């Protein structure tokens, strides 16, 4: 039977930078490593300089590596978020404000100012005739501006929707196939008739695989009637699954890391739902159409037993 790779339960996992101190440590590692490499390369360049003409190529290589790593460290220490220097700045702002969201806004504003400085400097060089360096500065500024804005959106989204659970978004009653069912039957009865892209495969009530369009396409249509679902289903080496109490940010991370379009939702070893990207989009589309954001500090729909009328009691 397939193994289930479970996600941690809600509240059990911590982001890599869960506190200002964590953010600071993570941010300084990169520049320190570059400085260490620069120091090692500089030492080797000095040592090989005494070797005469025989070691001149090695000396030139080490000297070049020392300069590159030193410049890389200095560049990363620029306080422009999301560079390492900007993350150091954010960690300090986070410690002072006690708010990751506010600190990110501050660091993003500073980062965008620095980014526009790069763009303006690049434009000046470009019109001065230094085309290559000008274009490089413009591209660096453009990258920094976009990366800073994207980081802010990510933090805001995680803060705003951190209490949205898998159980709020999943399909609680997905159709499921059996391993000994023919591929033709699975396609006709479920994929086409019920308009599903991903089909959980169950054996004795427990999930043993997932059947997706990519799995089906591997088999010529002429053989669909004789090939069994269990022969072509994916996930036989292990299925990445979700818990109904997993939170929205963790779901995004799982889908992104595994390049997945869907994941089964498992409780006590049994399939209780299916979550795919369409469920997520539809969930937030409905919230947006209703103008629903948060209700007394929590998502409007937190528990299935809560109705619109029950919320008046909160």
C-alpha atoms as a PDB file:
ATOM      1  CA  UNK A   1       0.000   0.000   0.000  1.00  0.00           C
ATOM      2  CA  UNK A   2       1.178   3.497  -0.765  1.00  0.00           C
ATOM      3  CA  UNK A   3       2.750   5.646   1.868  1.00  0.00           C
ATOM      4  CA  UNK A   4       1.129   8.935   2.791  1.00  0.00           C
ATOM      5  CA  UNK A   5       3.424  11.913   3.220  1.00  0.00           C
ATOM      6  CA  UNK A   6       1.482  13.950   5.724  1.00  0.00           C
ATOM      7  CA  UNK A   7       1.757  17.665   6.323  1.00  0.00           C
ATOM      8  CA  UNK A   8       2.250  18.848   9.929  1.00  0.00           C
ATOM      9  CA  UNK A   9      -0.930  19.692  11.776  1.00  0.00           C
ATOM     10  CA  UNK A  10      -1.903  23.313  12.076  1.00  0.00           C
ATOM     11  CA  UNK A  11       0.387  25.157  14.427  1.00  0.00           C
ATOM     12  CA  UNK A  12       3.009  22.435  14.391  1.00  0.00           C
ATOM     13  CA  UNK A  13       5.302  23.992  11.834  1.00  0.00           C
ATOM     14  CA  UNK A  14       7.138  27.269  12.003  1.00  0.00           C
ATOM     15  CA  UNK A  15       8.274  29.388   9.102  1.00  0.00           C
ATOM     16  CA  UNK A  16      12.073  29.495   8.641  1.00  0.00           C
ATOM     17  CA  UNK A  17      12.009  33.076   9.935  1.00  0.00           C
ATOM     18  CA  UNK A  18       9.467  32.726  12.730  1.00  0.00           C
ATOM     19  CA  UNK A  19      11.022  35.472  14.883  1.00  0.00           C
ATOM     20  CA  UNK A  20      13.092  38.604  14.276  1.00  0.00           C
ATOM     21  CA  UNK A  21      16.202  36.835  15.549  1.00  0.00           C
ATOM     22  CA  UNK A  22      15.666  33.950  13.124  1.00  0.00           C
ATOM     23  CA  UNK A  23      15.283  36.414  10.263  1.00  0.00           C
ATOM     24  CA  UNK A  24      18.507  38.174  11.244  1.00  0.00           C
ATOM     25  CA  UNK A  25      20.519  34.952  11.433  1.00  0.00           C
ATOM     26  CA  UNK A  26      19.213  33.699   8.084  1.00  0.00           C
ATOM     27  CA  UNK A  27      19.864  37.066   6.429  1.00  0.00           C
ATOM     28  CA  UNK A  28      23.499  37.411   7.503  1.00  0.00           C
ATOM     29  CA  UNK A  29      24.544  33.876   6.526  1.00  0.00           C
ATOM     30  CA  UNK A  30      24.760  34.661   2.797  1.00  0.00           C
ATOM     31  CA  UNK A  31      26.953  37.791   3.042  1.00  0.00           C
ATOM     32  CA  UNK A  32      29.161  36.160   5.685  1.00  0.00           C
ATOM     33  CA  UNK A  33      29.686  33.162   3.430  1.00  0.00           C
ATOM     34  CA  UNK A  34      30.624  35.445   0.525  1.00  0.00           C
ATOM     35  CA  UNK A  35      33.054  37.351   2.746  1.00  0.00           C
ATOM     36  CA  UNK A  36      34.601  34.089   3.941  1.00  0.00           C
ATOM     37  CA  UNK A  37      35.055  32.896   0.359  1.00  0.00           C
ATOM     38  CA  UNK A  38      36.572  36.266  -0.562  1.00  0.00           C
ATOM     39  CA  UNK A  39      39.031  35.972   2.327  1.00  0.00           C
ATOM     40  CA  UNK A  40      40.028  32.431   1.345  1.00  0.00           C
ATOM     41  CA  UNK A  41      40.459  33.413  -2.312  1.00  0.00           C
ATOM     42  CA  UNK A  42      42.495  36.485  -1.349  1.00  0.00           C
ATOM     43  CA  UNK A  43      44.765  34.337   0.840  1.00  0.00           C
ATOM     44  CA  UNK A  44      45.302  31.879  -1.999  1.00  0.00           C
ATOM     45  CA  UNK A  45      45.990  34.745  -4.401  1.00  0.00           C
ATOM     46  CA  UNK A  46      48.641  36.103  -2.029  1.00  0.00           C
ATOM     47  CA  UNK A  47      50.184  32.660  -1.567  1.00  0.00           C
ATOM     48  CA  UNK A  48      50.376  31.946  -5.302  1.00  0.00           C
ATOM     49  CA  UNK A  49      51.778  35.422  -6.077  1.00  0.00           C
ATOM     50  CA  UNK A  50      55.135  34.270  -4.727  1.00  0.00           C
ATOM     51  CA  UNK A  51      55.259  31.371  -7.163  1.00  0.00           C
ATOM     52  CA  UNK A  52      56.495  33.401 -10.104  1.00  0.00           C
ATOM     53  CA  UNK A  53      55.207  33.203 -13.647  1.00  0.00           C
ATOM     54  CA  UNK A  54      54.305  29.539 -13.298  1.00  0.00           C
ATOM     55  CA  UNK A  55      51.447  30.300 -10.898  1.00  0.00           C
ATOM     56  CA  UNK A  56      50.325  33.551 -12.510  1.00  0.00           C
ATOM     57  CA  UNK A  57      47.116  32.009 -13.981  1.00  0.00           C
ATOM     58  CA  UNK A  58      46.163  30.576 -10.583  1.00  0.00           C
ATOM     59  CA  UNK A  59      46.970  33.871  -8.851  1.00  0.00           C
ATOM     60  CA  UNK A  60      44.809  35.801 -11.323  1.00  0.00           C
ATOM     61  CA  UNK A  61      41.930  33.349 -10.865  1.00  0.00           C
ATOM     62  CA  UNK A  62      42.027  33.549  -7.069  1.00  0.00           C
ATOM     63  CA  UNK A  63      42.254  37.344  -7.166  1.00  0.00           C
ATOM     64  CA  UNK A  64      39.239  37.487  -9.472  1.00  0.00           C
ATOM     65  CA  UNK A  65      37.231  35.176  -7.181  1.00  0.00           C
ATOM     66  CA  UNK A  66      38.144  37.327  -4.186  1.00  0.00           C
ATOM     67  CA  UNK A  67      36.885  40.485  -5.900  1.00  0.00           C
ATOM     68  CA  UNK A  68      33.675  38.828  -7.119  1.00  0.00           C
ATOM     69  CA  UNK A  69      32.761  37.426  -3.703  1.00  0.00           C
ATOM     70  CA  UNK A  70      33.574  40.708  -1.980  1.00  0.00           C
ATOM     71  CA  UNK A  71      31.374  42.641  -4.412  1.00  0.00           C
ATOM     72  CA  UNK A  72      28.611  40.048  -4.002  1.00  0.00           C
ATOM     73  CA  UNK A  73      28.726  40.399  -0.213  1.00  0.00           C
ATOM     74  CA  UNK A  74      28.637  44.196  -0.408  1.00  0.00           C
ATOM     75  CA  UNK A  75      25.764  44.131  -2.903  1.00  0.00           C
ATOM     76  CA  UNK A  76      23.714  41.761  -0.749  1.00  0.00           C
ATOM     77  CA  UNK A  77      24.261  44.016   2.268  1.00  0.00           C
ATOM     78  CA  UNK A  78      22.464  46.906   0.538  1.00  0.00           C
ATOM     79  CA  UNK A  79      19.380  47.544   2.732  1.00  0.00           C
ATOM     80  CA  UNK A  80      17.041  47.010  -0.194  1.00  0.00           C
ATOM     81  CA  UNK A  81      14.453  44.345   0.526  1.00  0.00           C
ATOM     82  CA  UNK A  82      14.459  41.473  -0.419  1.00  0.00           C
ATOM     83  CA  UNK A  83      18.272  41.482  -0.521  1.00  0.00           C
ATOM     84  CA  UNK A  84      19.981  40.108   2.578  1.00  0.00           C
ATOM     85  CA  UNK A  85      20.685  43.630   3.797  1.00  0.00           C
ATOM     86  CA  UNK A  86      17.008  44.425   3.402  1.00  0.00           C
ATOM     87  CA  UNK A  87      16.110  41.351   5.429  1.00  0.00           C
ATOM     88  CA  UNK A  88      18.472  42.496   8.166  1.00  0.00           C
ATOM     89  CA  UNK A  89      16.692  45.850   8.080  1.00  0.00           C
ATOM     90  CA  UNK A  90      13.312  44.088   8.238  1.00  0.00           C
ATOM     91  CA  UNK A  91      14.381  41.988  11.212  1.00  0.00           C
ATOM     92  CA  UNK A  92      15.278  45.165  13.122  1.00  0.00           C
ATOM     93  CA  UNK A  93      11.986  46.811  12.120  1.00  0.00           C
ATOM     94  CA  UNK A  94      10.163  43.621  13.103  1.00  0.00           C
ATOM     95  CA  UNK A  95      11.819  43.657  16.528  1.00  0.00           C
ATOM     96  CA  UNK A  96      10.928  47.332  17.018  1.00  0.00           C
ATOM     97  CA  UNK A  97       7.320  47.120  15.782  1.00  0.00           C
ATOM     98  CA  UNK A  98       6.543  43.544  16.859  1.00  0.00           C
ATOM     99  CA  UNK A  99       4.687  43.149  13.552  1.00  0.00           C
ATOM    100  CA  UNK A 100       6.032  41.200  10.581  1.00  0.00           C
ATOM    101  CA  UNK A 101       3.478  42.782   8.275  1.00  0.00           C
ATOM    102  CA  UNK A 102       4.341  46.341   9.295  1.00  0.00           C
ATOM    103  CA  UNK A 103       8.071  45.611   9.195  1.00  0.00           C
ATOM    104  CA  UNK A 104       7.712  44.163   5.703  1.00  0.00           C
ATOM    105  CA  UNK A 105       5.859  47.275   4.538  1.00  0.00           C
ATOM    106  CA  UNK A 106       8.648  49.482   5.899  1.00  0.00           C
ATOM    107  CA  UNK A 107      11.407  47.328   4.400  1.00  0.00           C
ATOM    108  CA  UNK A 108       9.546  47.146   1.090  1.00  0.00           C
ATOM    109  CA  UNK A 109       9.223  50.936   0.940  1.00  0.00           C
ATOM    110  CA  UNK A 110      12.954  51.349   1.552  1.00  0.00           C
ATOM    111  CA  UNK A 111      13.722  48.617  -0.962  1.00  0.00           C
ATOM    112  CA  UNK A 112      11.589  50.246  -3.655  1.00  0.00           C
ATOM    113  CA  UNK A 113      13.301  53.604  -3.085  1.00  0.00           C
ATOM    114  CA  UNK A 114      16.682  51.910  -3.560  1.00  0.00           C
ATOM    115  CA  UNK A 115      15.349  50.048  -6.597  1.00  0.00           C
ATOM    116  CA  UNK A 116      14.212  53.292  -8.219  1.00  0.00           C
ATOM    117  CA  UNK A 117      17.636  54.712  -7.411  1.00  0.00           C
ATOM    118  CA  UNK A 118      19.204  51.880  -9.409  1.00  0.00           C
ATOM    119  CA  UNK A 119      16.785  52.500 -12.276  1.00  0.00           C
ATOM    120  CA  UNK A 120      17.470  56.246 -12.356  1.00  0.00           C
ATOM    121  CA  UNK A 121      21.231  55.669 -12.173  1.00  0.00           C
ATOM    122  CA  UNK A 122      20.972  53.143 -14.972  1.00  0.00           C
ATOM    123  CA  UNK A 123      18.968  55.568 -17.068  1.00  0.00           C
ATOM    124  CA  UNK A 124      21.581  58.273 -16.542  1.00  0.00           C
ATOM    125  CA  UNK A 125      24.382  55.889 -17.575  1.00  0.00           C
ATOM    126  CA  UNK A 126      22.334  54.730 -20.549  1.00  0.00           C
ATOM    127  CA  UNK A 127      21.863  58.250 -21.891  1.00  0.00           C
ATOM    128  CA  UNK A 128      25.509  59.032 -21.125  1.00  0.00           C
ATOM    129  CA  UNK A 129      26.597  56.352 -23.556  1.00  0.00           C
ATOM    130  CA  UNK A 130      27.399  53.590 -21.045  1.00  0.00           C
ATOM    131  CA  UNK A 131      24.729  51.291 -22.435  1.00  0.00           C
ATOM    132  CA  UNK A 132      25.771  47.962 -20.912  1.00  0.00           C
ATOM    133  CA  UNK A 133      26.195  49.167 -17.319  1.00  0.00           C
ATOM    134  CA  UNK A 134      23.083  51.311 -17.631  1.00  0.00           C
ATOM    135  CA  UNK A 135      20.955  48.379 -18.731  1.00  0.00           C
ATOM    136  CA  UNK A 136      22.368  46.224 -15.936  1.00  0.00           C
ATOM    137  CA  UNK A 137      21.435  48.792 -13.279  1.00  0.00           C
ATOM    138  CA  UNK A 138      17.952  49.189 -14.752  1.00  0.00           C
ATOM    139  CA  UNK A 139      17.425  45.417 -14.728  1.00  0.00           C
ATOM    140  CA  UNK A 140      18.696  45.151 -11.142  1.00  0.00           C
ATOM    141  CA  UNK A 141      16.358  47.937 -10.041  1.00  0.00           C
ATOM    142  CA  UNK A 142      13.426  46.393 -11.873  1.00  0.00           C
ATOM    143  CA  UNK A 143      14.118  43.014 -10.265  1.00  0.00           C
ATOM    144  CA  UNK A 144      14.414  44.514  -6.770  1.00  0.00           C
ATOM    145  CA  UNK A 145      11.178  46.479  -7.161  1.00  0.00           C
ATOM    146  CA  UNK A 146       9.208  43.456  -8.362  1.00  0.00           C
ATOM    147  CA  UNK A 147      10.704  41.134  -5.759  1.00  0.00           C
ATOM    148  CA  UNK A 148       9.954  43.585  -2.938  1.00  0.00           C
ATOM    149  CA  UNK A 149       6.345  44.002  -4.064  1.00  0.00           C
ATOM    150  CA  UNK A 150       5.883  40.239  -4.411  1.00  0.00           C
ATOM    151  CA  UNK A 151       7.321  39.625  -0.929  1.00  0.00           C
ATOM    152  CA  UNK A 152       4.937  42.166   0.571  1.00  0.00           C
ATOM    153  CA  UNK A 153       1.948  40.580  -1.164  1.00  0.00           C
ATOM    154  CA  UNK A 154       2.996  37.167   0.122  1.00  0.00           C
ATOM    155  CA  UNK A 155       3.281  38.359   3.723  1.00  0.00           C
ATOM    156  CA  UNK A 156      -0.045  40.215   3.541  1.00  0.00           C
ATOM    157  CA  UNK A 157      -1.741  37.141   2.104  1.00  0.00           C
ATOM    158  CA  UNK A 158      -0.292  34.861   4.779  1.00  0.00           C
ATOM    159  CA  UNK A 159      -1.423  37.250   7.501  1.00  0.00           C
ATOM    160  CA  UNK A 160      -4.890  37.819   6.062  1.00  0.00           C
ATOM    161  CA  UNK A 161      -5.720  34.198   5.289  1.00  0.00           C
ATOM    162  CA  UNK A 162      -3.649  32.325   7.873  1.00  0.00           C
ATOM    163  CA  UNK A 163      -6.821  31.002   9.575  1.00  0.00           C
ATOM    164  CA  UNK A 164      -8.353  29.567   6.402  1.00  0.00           C
ATOM    165  CA  UNK A 165      -8.248  25.778   6.694  1.00  0.00           C
ATOM    166  CA  UNK A 166      -8.150  22.991   4.139  1.00  0.00           C
ATOM    167  CA  UNK A 167     -11.584  21.896   5.345  1.00  0.00           C
ATOM    168  CA  UNK A 168     -12.944  25.303   4.306  1.00  0.00           C
ATOM    169  CA  UNK A 169     -11.802  24.922   0.689  1.00  0.00           C
ATOM    170  CA  UNK A 170     -11.799  21.197  -0.121  1.00  0.00           C
ATOM    171  CA  UNK A 171     -14.328  19.133  -2.023  1.00  0.00           C
ATOM    172  CA  UNK A 172     -15.738  17.022   0.842  1.00  0.00           C
ATOM    173  CA  UNK A 173     -17.193  14.284  -1.361  1.00  0.00           C
ATOM    174  CA  UNK A 174     -14.885  13.612  -4.307  1.00  0.00           C
ATOM    175  CA  UNK A 175     -15.580  10.665  -6.615  1.00  0.00           C
ATOM    176  CA  UNK A 176     -13.088   7.827  -6.275  1.00  0.00           C
ATOM    177  CA  UNK A 177     -12.059   4.882  -8.427  1.00  0.00           C
ATOM    178  CA  UNK A 178     -10.869   1.398  -7.484  1.00  0.00           C
ATOM    179  CA  UNK A 179      -7.527  -0.109  -8.541  1.00  0.00           C
ATOM    180  CA  UNK A 180      -9.131  -2.998 -10.473  1.00  0.00           C
ATOM    181  CA  UNK A 181     -11.468  -0.710 -12.452  1.00  0.00           C
ATOM    182  CA  UNK A 182     -10.676  -0.424 -16.146  1.00  0.00           C
ATOM    183  CA  UNK A 183      -9.229   2.833 -17.368  1.00  0.00           C
ATOM    184  CA  UNK A 184     -12.114   3.186 -19.840  1.00  0.00           C
ATOM    185  CA  UNK A 185     -14.670   2.887 -17.048  1.00  0.00           C
ATOM    186  CA  UNK A 186     -12.856   5.408 -14.864  1.00  0.00           C
ATOM    187  CA  UNK A 187     -12.645   7.922 -17.703  1.00  0.00           C
ATOM    188  CA  UNK A 188     -16.273   7.489 -18.746  1.00  0.00           C
ATOM    189  CA  UNK A 189     -17.885   7.295 -15.298  1.00  0.00           C
ATOM    190  CA  UNK A 190     -15.824   9.871 -13.449  1.00  0.00           C
ATOM    191  CA  UNK A 191     -13.421  11.988 -15.497  1.00  0.00           C
ATOM    192  CA  UNK A 192     -15.870  12.854 -18.286  1.00  0.00           C
ATOM    193  CA  UNK A 193     -19.289  12.405 -16.699  1.00  0.00           C
ATOM    194  CA  UNK A 194     -18.450  14.156 -13.433  1.00  0.00           C
ATOM    195  CA  UNK A 195     -15.902  16.546 -14.949  1.00  0.00           C
ATOM    196  CA  UNK A 196     -13.021  15.752 -12.599  1.00  0.00           C
ATOM    197  CA  UNK A 197      -9.342  16.094 -13.438  1.00  0.00           C
ATOM    198  CA  UNK A 198      -7.884  14.149 -10.526  1.00  0.00           C
ATOM    199  CA  UNK A 199      -9.408  10.928  -9.281  1.00  0.00           C
ATOM    200  CA  UNK A 200      -8.426   9.379  -5.936  1.00  0.00           C
ATOM    201  CA  UNK A 201      -7.989   5.609  -6.063  1.00  0.00           C
ATOM    202  CA  UNK A 202      -9.250   3.734  -2.999  1.00  0.00           C
ATOM    203  CA  UNK A 203      -8.733   0.181  -1.781  1.00  0.00           C
ATOM    204  CA  UNK A 204     -10.727  -0.874   1.284  1.00  0.00           C
ATOM    205  CA  UNK A 205     -11.523   2.759   2.009  1.00  0.00           C
ATOM    206  CA  UNK A 206      -7.910   3.914   2.004  1.00  0.00           C
ATOM    207  CA  UNK A 207      -6.227   5.926  -0.711  1.00  0.00           C
ATOM    208  CA  UNK A 208      -3.576   4.070  -2.680  1.00  0.00           C
ATOM    209  CA  UNK A 209      -3.021   6.423  -5.603  1.00  0.00           C
ATOM    210  CA  UNK A 210      -4.218   9.299  -7.780  1.00  0.00           C
ATOM    211  CA  UNK A 211      -5.335   9.095 -11.409  1.00  0.00           C
ATOM    212  CA  UNK A 212      -4.652  12.261 -13.399  1.00  0.00           C
ATOM    213  CA  UNK A 213      -4.852  13.200 -17.105  1.00  0.00           C
ATOM    214  CA  UNK A 214      -1.085  12.757 -17.435  1.00  0.00           C
ATOM    215  CA  UNK A 215      -1.420   9.161 -16.183  1.00  0.00           C
ATOM    216  CA  UNK A 216      -4.256   8.458 -18.615  1.00  0.00           C
ATOM    217  CA  UNK A 217      -2.383   9.912 -21.591  1.00  0.00           C
ATOM    218  CA  UNK A 218       0.407   7.374 -21.091  1.00  0.00           C
ATOM    219  CA  UNK A 219      -1.928   4.610 -22.293  1.00  0.00           C
ATOM    220  CA  UNK A 220      -3.185   4.446 -25.914  1.00  0.00           C
ATOM    221  CA  UNK A 221      -6.966   4.838 -26.053  1.00  0.00           C
ATOM    222  CA  UNK A 222      -7.305   1.432 -27.730  1.00  0.00           C
ATOM    223  CA  UNK A 223      -6.003  -0.209 -24.526  1.00  0.00           C
ATOM    224  CA  UNK A 224      -8.177   1.673 -22.035  1.00  0.00           C
ATOM    225  CA  UNK A 225     -10.657  -1.204 -21.783  1.00  0.00           C
ATOM    226  CA  UNK A 226      -7.996  -3.709 -20.717  1.00  0.00           C
ATOM    227  CA  UNK A 227      -5.627  -1.590 -18.626  1.00  0.00           C
ATOM    228  CA  UNK A 228      -6.529  -1.257 -14.940  1.00  0.00           C
ATOM    229  CA  UNK A 229      -6.430   1.963 -12.964  1.00  0.00           C
ATOM    230  CA  UNK A 230      -3.990   0.448 -10.489  1.00  0.00           C
ATOM    231  CA  UNK A 231      -1.470  -0.138 -13.276  1.00  0.00           C
ATOM    232  CA  UNK A 232      -1.158   3.511 -14.313  1.00  0.00           C
ATOM    233  CA  UNK A 233      -2.196   5.564 -11.282  1.00  0.00           C
ATOM    234  CA  UNK A 234       0.316   7.968  -9.826  1.00  0.00           C
ATOM    235  CA  UNK A 235       1.547   8.154  -6.278  1.00  0.00           C
ATOM    236  CA  UNK A 236       2.276   4.477  -5.866  1.00  0.00           C
ATOM    237  CA  UNK A 237       5.596   5.355  -4.255  1.00  0.00           C
ATOM    238  CA  UNK A 238       4.009   7.785  -1.812  1.00  0.00           C
ATOM    239  CA  UNK A 239       1.170  10.295  -1.899  1.00  0.00           C
ATOM    240  CA  UNK A 240       1.528  13.824  -0.620  1.00  0.00           C
ATOM    241  CA  UNK A 241      -1.585  14.557   1.375  1.00  0.00           C
ATOM    242  CA  UNK A 242      -3.152  17.274   3.486  1.00  0.00           C
ATOM    243  CA  UNK A 243      -4.865  17.325   6.845  1.00  0.00           C
ATOM    244  CA  UNK A 244      -8.244  19.101   7.138  1.00  0.00           C
ATOM    245  CA  UNK A 245      -6.662  21.391   9.740  1.00  0.00           C
ATOM    246  CA  UNK A 246      -3.731  22.482   7.561  1.00  0.00           C
ATOM    247  CA  UNK A 247      -3.724  26.210   6.927  1.00  0.00           C
ATOM    248  CA  UNK A 248      -3.865  28.004   3.607  1.00  0.00           C
ATOM    249  CA  UNK A 249      -0.205  29.211   3.562  1.00  0.00           C
ATOM    250  CA  UNK A 250       0.988  25.646   4.190  1.00  0.00           C
ATOM    251  CA  UNK A 251      -1.223  24.395   1.360  1.00  0.00           C
ATOM    252  CA  UNK A 252       0.327  26.846  -1.074  1.00  0.00           C
ATOM    253  CA  UNK A 253       3.793  25.705  -0.030  1.00  0.00           C
ATOM    254  CA  UNK A 254       2.936  22.021  -0.501  1.00  0.00           C
ATOM    255  CA  UNK A 255       1.415  22.542  -3.954  1.00  0.00           C
ATOM    256  CA  UNK A 256       4.306  24.756  -5.052  1.00  0.00           C
ATOM    257  CA  UNK A 257       7.079  22.500  -3.725  1.00  0.00           C
ATOM    258  CA  UNK A 258       5.574  19.381  -5.270  1.00  0.00           C
ATOM    259  CA  UNK A 259       4.376  21.123  -8.445  1.00  0.00           C
ATOM    260  CA  UNK A 260       0.954  19.646  -7.679  1.00  0.00           C
ATOM    261  CA  UNK A 261      -2.468  20.623  -8.966  1.00  0.00           C
ATOM    262  CA  UNK A 262      -4.280  18.726  -6.225  1.00  0.00           C
ATOM    263  CA  UNK A 263      -3.776  16.758  -3.032  1.00  0.00           C
ATOM    264  CA  UNK A 264      -6.030  14.349  -1.121  1.00  0.00           C
ATOM    265  CA  UNK A 265      -7.223  15.315   2.346  1.00  0.00           C
ATOM    266  CA  UNK A 266      -6.697  12.541   4.876  1.00  0.00           C
ATOM    267  CA  UNK A 267      -8.056  12.121   8.406  1.00  0.00           C
ATOM    268  CA  UNK A 268      -7.302   9.015  10.469  1.00  0.00           C
ATOM    269  CA  UNK A 269      -5.893   7.305   7.409  1.00  0.00           C
ATOM    270  CA  UNK A 270      -9.008   7.755   5.291  1.00  0.00           C
ATOM    271  CA  UNK A 271      -9.889  10.057   2.426  1.00  0.00           C
ATOM    272  CA  UNK A 272     -12.308  12.787   3.502  1.00  0.00           C
ATOM    273  CA  UNK A 273     -11.841  15.253   0.655  1.00  0.00           C
ATOM    274  CA  UNK A 274      -9.811  16.531  -2.254  1.00  0.00           C
ATOM    275  CA  UNK A 275      -8.268  19.963  -2.639  1.00  0.00           C
ATOM    276  CA  UNK A 276      -7.131  21.305  -5.994  1.00  0.00           C
ATOM    277  CA  UNK A 277      -6.167  24.691  -7.323  1.00  0.00           C
ATOM    278  CA  UNK A 278      -9.664  25.192  -8.751  1.00  0.00           C
ATOM    279  CA  UNK A 279     -11.166  24.758  -5.268  1.00  0.00           C
ATOM    280  CA  UNK A 280      -8.849  27.433  -3.920  1.00  0.00           C
ATOM    281  CA  UNK A 281      -9.596  29.885  -6.729  1.00  0.00           C
ATOM    282  CA  UNK A 282     -13.349  29.291  -6.441  1.00  0.00           C
ATOM    283  CA  UNK A 283     -13.268  29.706  -2.657  1.00  0.00           C
ATOM    284  CA  UNK A 284     -11.605  33.102  -2.830  1.00  0.00           C
ATOM    285  CA  UNK A 285     -13.716  34.193  -5.802  1.00  0.00           C
ATOM    286  CA  UNK A 286     -16.854  33.599  -3.743  1.00  0.00           C
ATOM    287  CA  UNK A 287     -15.383  35.452  -0.784  1.00  0.00           C
ATOM    288  CA  UNK A 288     -14.500  38.350  -3.051  1.00  0.00           C
ATOM    289  CA  UNK A 289     -17.966  38.437  -4.643  1.00  0.00           C
ATOM    290  CA  UNK A 290     -19.585  38.515  -1.197  1.00  0.00           C
ATOM    291  CA  UNK A 291     -17.147  41.127   0.074  1.00  0.00           C
ATOM    292  CA  UNK A 292     -16.083  38.737   2.839  1.00  0.00           C
ATOM    293  CA  UNK A 293     -12.684  39.329   4.436  1.00  0.00           C
ATOM    294  CA  UNK A 294     -12.613  38.535   8.152  1.00  0.00           C
ATOM    295  CA  UNK A 295     -15.187  38.273  10.901  1.00  0.00           C
ATOM    296  CA  UNK A 296     -14.082  39.310  14.386  1.00  0.00           C
ATOM    297  CA  UNK A 297     -10.469  38.485  13.539  1.00  0.00           C
ATOM    298  CA  UNK A 298     -11.179  35.163  11.858  1.00  0.00           C
ATOM    299  CA  UNK A 299     -12.330  34.096   8.401  1.00  0.00           C
ATOM    300  CA  UNK A 300     -16.052  34.486   7.783  1.00  0.00           C
ATOM    301  CA  UNK A 301     -16.436  30.759   7.209  1.00  0.00           C
ATOM    302  CA  UNK A 302     -14.426  29.052   9.917  1.00  0.00           C
ATOM    303  CA  UNK A 303     -16.494  25.980  10.759  1.00  0.00           C
ATOM    304  CA  UNK A 304     -18.985  24.136   8.652  1.00  0.00           C
ATOM    305  CA  UNK A 305     -21.583  24.210  11.424  1.00  0.00           C
ATOM    306  CA  UNK A 306     -21.534  28.004  11.502  1.00  0.00           C
ATOM    307  CA  UNK A 307     -24.236  29.594   9.371  1.00  0.00           C
ATOM    308  CA  UNK A 308     -24.704  33.202   8.440  1.00  0.00           C
ATOM    309  CA  UNK A 309     -27.178  33.529  11.299  1.00  0.00           C
ATOM    310  CA  UNK A 310     -24.947  31.833  13.874  1.00  0.00           C
ATOM    311  CA  UNK A 311     -22.254  34.444  13.235  1.00  0.00           C
ATOM    312  CA  UNK A 312     -24.398  37.111  14.907  1.00  0.00           C
ATOM    313  CA  UNK A 313     -23.655  35.392  18.202  1.00  0.00           C
ATOM    314  CA  UNK A 314     -19.873  35.922  17.824  1.00  0.00           C
END
